[in-house]
Each structure stands twice: as structure tokens, then as C-alpha cells.
Amino acid sequence: MSEHFAYDKDWTDIEDMLHRAERKQHHHLMALQDKTLNKKQKLAHMKNYKGLEGVINGLRWVLGDKDMTARTVLGA
């Protein structure tokens, strides 16, 4: 399995990805406030928002966020 992983990311790369994911999630949250969107468009933004929530939780766990448990990340 390890041949599929480069292990070439440093902490700065991971933190940058976290910040990018948080900004993208915020974008989707703000888009949900748009009253002109139809149901399909709102659903797409909500799916992306929730998907990024998982990404953010996983990255926070990797970075050692003391408030982020494996249970939160895995949803178990």
C-alpha cells in the first residue's frame, strides 16, 4: 500500500490545504445565503460544504488539533 503514497508533504503543505479547504467551505456557506438560487443549486453547495467539513476535520486531526477526535473524523 505504501507504494501509492509519496510522503512528500510537510506541515506547511497540510496547513495550507486546511486553510484552502476552510476558505472554499466558507464560499459554499455564503452561496447558500443567496436567495436567487434554486433547490438544485443550493443542494450542490450543501453537498460541497458537508464534504469539505470531512476534509477539514481530517486535516485538523492530522495536525493534532486537541479538539478533533478520531470519532469526529470518522463519524462513528
C-alpha atoms as a PDB file:
ATOM      1  CA  MET A   1       0.000   0.000   0.000  1.00  0.00           C
ATOM      2  CA  SER A   2       2.804   2.460   0.764  1.00  0.00           C
ATOM      3  CA  GLU A   3       3.900   2.482  -2.887  1.00  0.00           C
ATOM      4  CA  HIS A   4       0.803   4.620  -3.543  1.00  0.00           C
ATOM      5  CA  PHE A   5       1.992   7.350  -1.180  1.00  0.00           C
ATOM      6  CA  ALA A   6       4.846   9.777  -1.763  1.00  0.00           C
ATOM      7  CA  TYR A   7       5.079  11.023   1.840  1.00  0.00           C
ATOM      8  CA  ASP A   8       6.404  14.298   0.450  1.00  0.00           C
ATOM      9  CA  LYS A   9       4.061  16.744   2.199  1.00  0.00           C
ATOM     10  CA  ASP A  10       5.331  18.851   5.064  1.00  0.00           C
ATOM     11  CA  TRP A  11       3.338  20.556   7.805  1.00  0.00           C
ATOM     12  CA  THR A  12       3.168  23.780   5.819  1.00  0.00           C
ATOM     13  CA  ASP A  13       1.568  21.930   2.886  1.00  0.00           C
ATOM     14  CA  ILE A  14      -1.015  20.382   5.201  1.00  0.00           C
ATOM     15  CA  GLU A  15      -1.783  23.699   6.917  1.00  0.00           C
ATOM     16  CA  ASP A  16      -2.121  25.388   3.519  1.00  0.00           C
ATOM     17  CA  MET A  17      -4.567  22.712   2.374  1.00  0.00           C
ATOM     18  CA  LEU A  18      -6.565  23.210   5.584  1.00  0.00           C
ATOM     19  CA  HIS A  19      -6.800  26.973   5.009  1.00  0.00           C
ATOM     20  CA  ARG A  20      -7.786  26.455   1.371  1.00  0.00           C
ATOM     21  CA  ALA A  21     -10.493  23.973   2.382  1.00  0.00           C
ATOM     22  CA  GLU A  22     -11.811  26.369   5.044  1.00  0.00           C
ATOM     23  CA  ARG A  23     -11.995  29.220   2.539  1.00  0.00           C
ATOM     24  CA  LYS A  24     -13.757  27.016  -0.007  1.00  0.00           C
ATOM     25  CA  GLN A  25     -16.218  25.828   2.637  1.00  0.00           C
ATOM     26  CA  HIS A  26     -16.922  29.448   3.596  1.00  0.00           C
ATOM     27  CA  HIS A  27     -17.592  30.205  -0.078  1.00  0.00           C
ATOM     28  CA  HIS A  28     -20.242  27.466  -0.166  1.00  0.00           C
ATOM     29  CA  LEU A  29     -21.773  28.686   3.098  1.00  0.00           C
ATOM     30  CA  MET A  30     -22.085  32.221   1.727  1.00  0.00           C
ATOM     31  CA  ALA A  31     -23.551  30.880  -1.528  1.00  0.00           C
ATOM     32  CA  LEU A  32     -26.263  29.129   0.488  1.00  0.00           C
ATOM     33  CA  GLN A  33     -27.433  32.550   1.673  1.00  0.00           C
ATOM     34  CA  ASP A  34     -28.191  33.588  -1.925  1.00  0.00           C
ATOM     35  CA  LYS A  35     -31.981  33.828  -2.224  1.00  0.00           C
ATOM     36  CA  THR A  36     -31.873  33.586  -6.020  1.00  0.00           C
ATOM     37  CA  LEU A  37     -30.539  30.012  -6.089  1.00  0.00           C
ATOM     38  CA  ASN A  38     -32.888  27.203  -6.940  1.00  0.00           C
ATOM     39  CA  LYS A  39     -33.150  23.995  -4.903  1.00  0.00           C
ATOM     40  CA  LYS A  40     -30.691  22.073  -7.103  1.00  0.00           C
ATOM     41  CA  GLN A  41     -28.047  24.799  -6.814  1.00  0.00           C
ATOM     42  CA  LYS A  42     -28.473  25.010  -3.034  1.00  0.00           C
ATOM     43  CA  LEU A  43     -28.185  21.234  -2.754  1.00  0.00           C
ATOM     44  CA  ALA A  44     -24.916  21.293  -4.706  1.00  0.00           C
ATOM     45  CA  HIS A  45     -23.481  23.940  -2.367  1.00  0.00           C
ATOM     46  CA  MET A  46     -24.641  21.995   0.694  1.00  0.00           C
ATOM     47  CA  LYS A  47     -23.021  18.780  -0.572  1.00  0.00           C
ATOM     48  CA  ASN A  48     -19.757  20.596  -1.164  1.00  0.00           C
ATOM     49  CA  TYR A  49     -19.980  22.292   2.235  1.00  0.00           C
ATOM     50  CA  LYS A  50     -20.524  18.975   4.027  1.00  0.00           C
ATOM     51  CA  GLY A  51     -17.811  17.236   2.013  1.00  0.00           C
ATOM     52  CA  LEU A  52     -15.326  19.922   2.942  1.00  0.00           C
ATOM     53  CA  GLU A  53     -16.345  19.525   6.574  1.00  0.00           C
ATOM     54  CA  GLY A  54     -14.926  15.992   6.422  1.00  0.00           C
ATOM     55  CA  VAL A  55     -11.752  17.209   4.713  1.00  0.00           C
ATOM     56  CA  ILE A  56     -11.281  19.925   7.339  1.00  0.00           C
ATOM     57  CA  ASN A  57     -11.865  17.504  10.214  1.00  0.00           C
ATOM     58  CA  GLY A  58      -9.348  15.054   8.756  1.00  0.00           C
ATOM     59  CA  LEU A  59      -6.701  17.719   8.232  1.00  0.00           C
ATOM     60  CA  ARG A  60      -7.242  19.105  11.725  1.00  0.00           C
ATOM     61  CA  TRP A  61      -6.819  15.599  13.139  1.00  0.00           C
ATOM     62  CA  VAL A  62      -3.568  15.107  11.183  1.00  0.00           C
ATOM     63  CA  LEU A  63      -2.272  18.435  12.510  1.00  0.00           C
ATOM     64  CA  GLY A  64      -3.036  17.328  16.062  1.00  0.00           C
ATOM     65  CA  ASP A  65      -5.999  19.576  16.882  1.00  0.00           C
ATOM     66  CA  LYS A  66      -6.714  18.620  20.502  1.00  0.00           C
ATOM     67  CA  ASP A  67     -10.457  19.076  19.965  1.00  0.00           C
ATOM     68  CA  MET A  68     -10.559  16.775  16.922  1.00  0.00           C
ATOM     69  CA  THR A  69     -11.070  13.148  17.843  1.00  0.00           C
ATOM     70  CA  ALA A  70     -10.900  10.137  15.577  1.00  0.00           C
ATOM     71  CA  ARG A  71     -14.568   9.641  16.397  1.00  0.00           C
ATOM     72  CA  THR A  72     -15.389  13.081  14.989  1.00  0.00           C
ATOM     73  CA  VAL A  73     -13.356  12.436  11.848  1.00  0.00           C
ATOM     74  CA  LEU A  74     -14.851   9.016  11.211  1.00  0.00           C
ATOM     75  CA  GLY A  75     -18.356   9.918  12.291  1.00  0.00           C
ATOM     76  CA  ALA A  76     -18.623   6.851  14.469  1.00  0.00           C
END
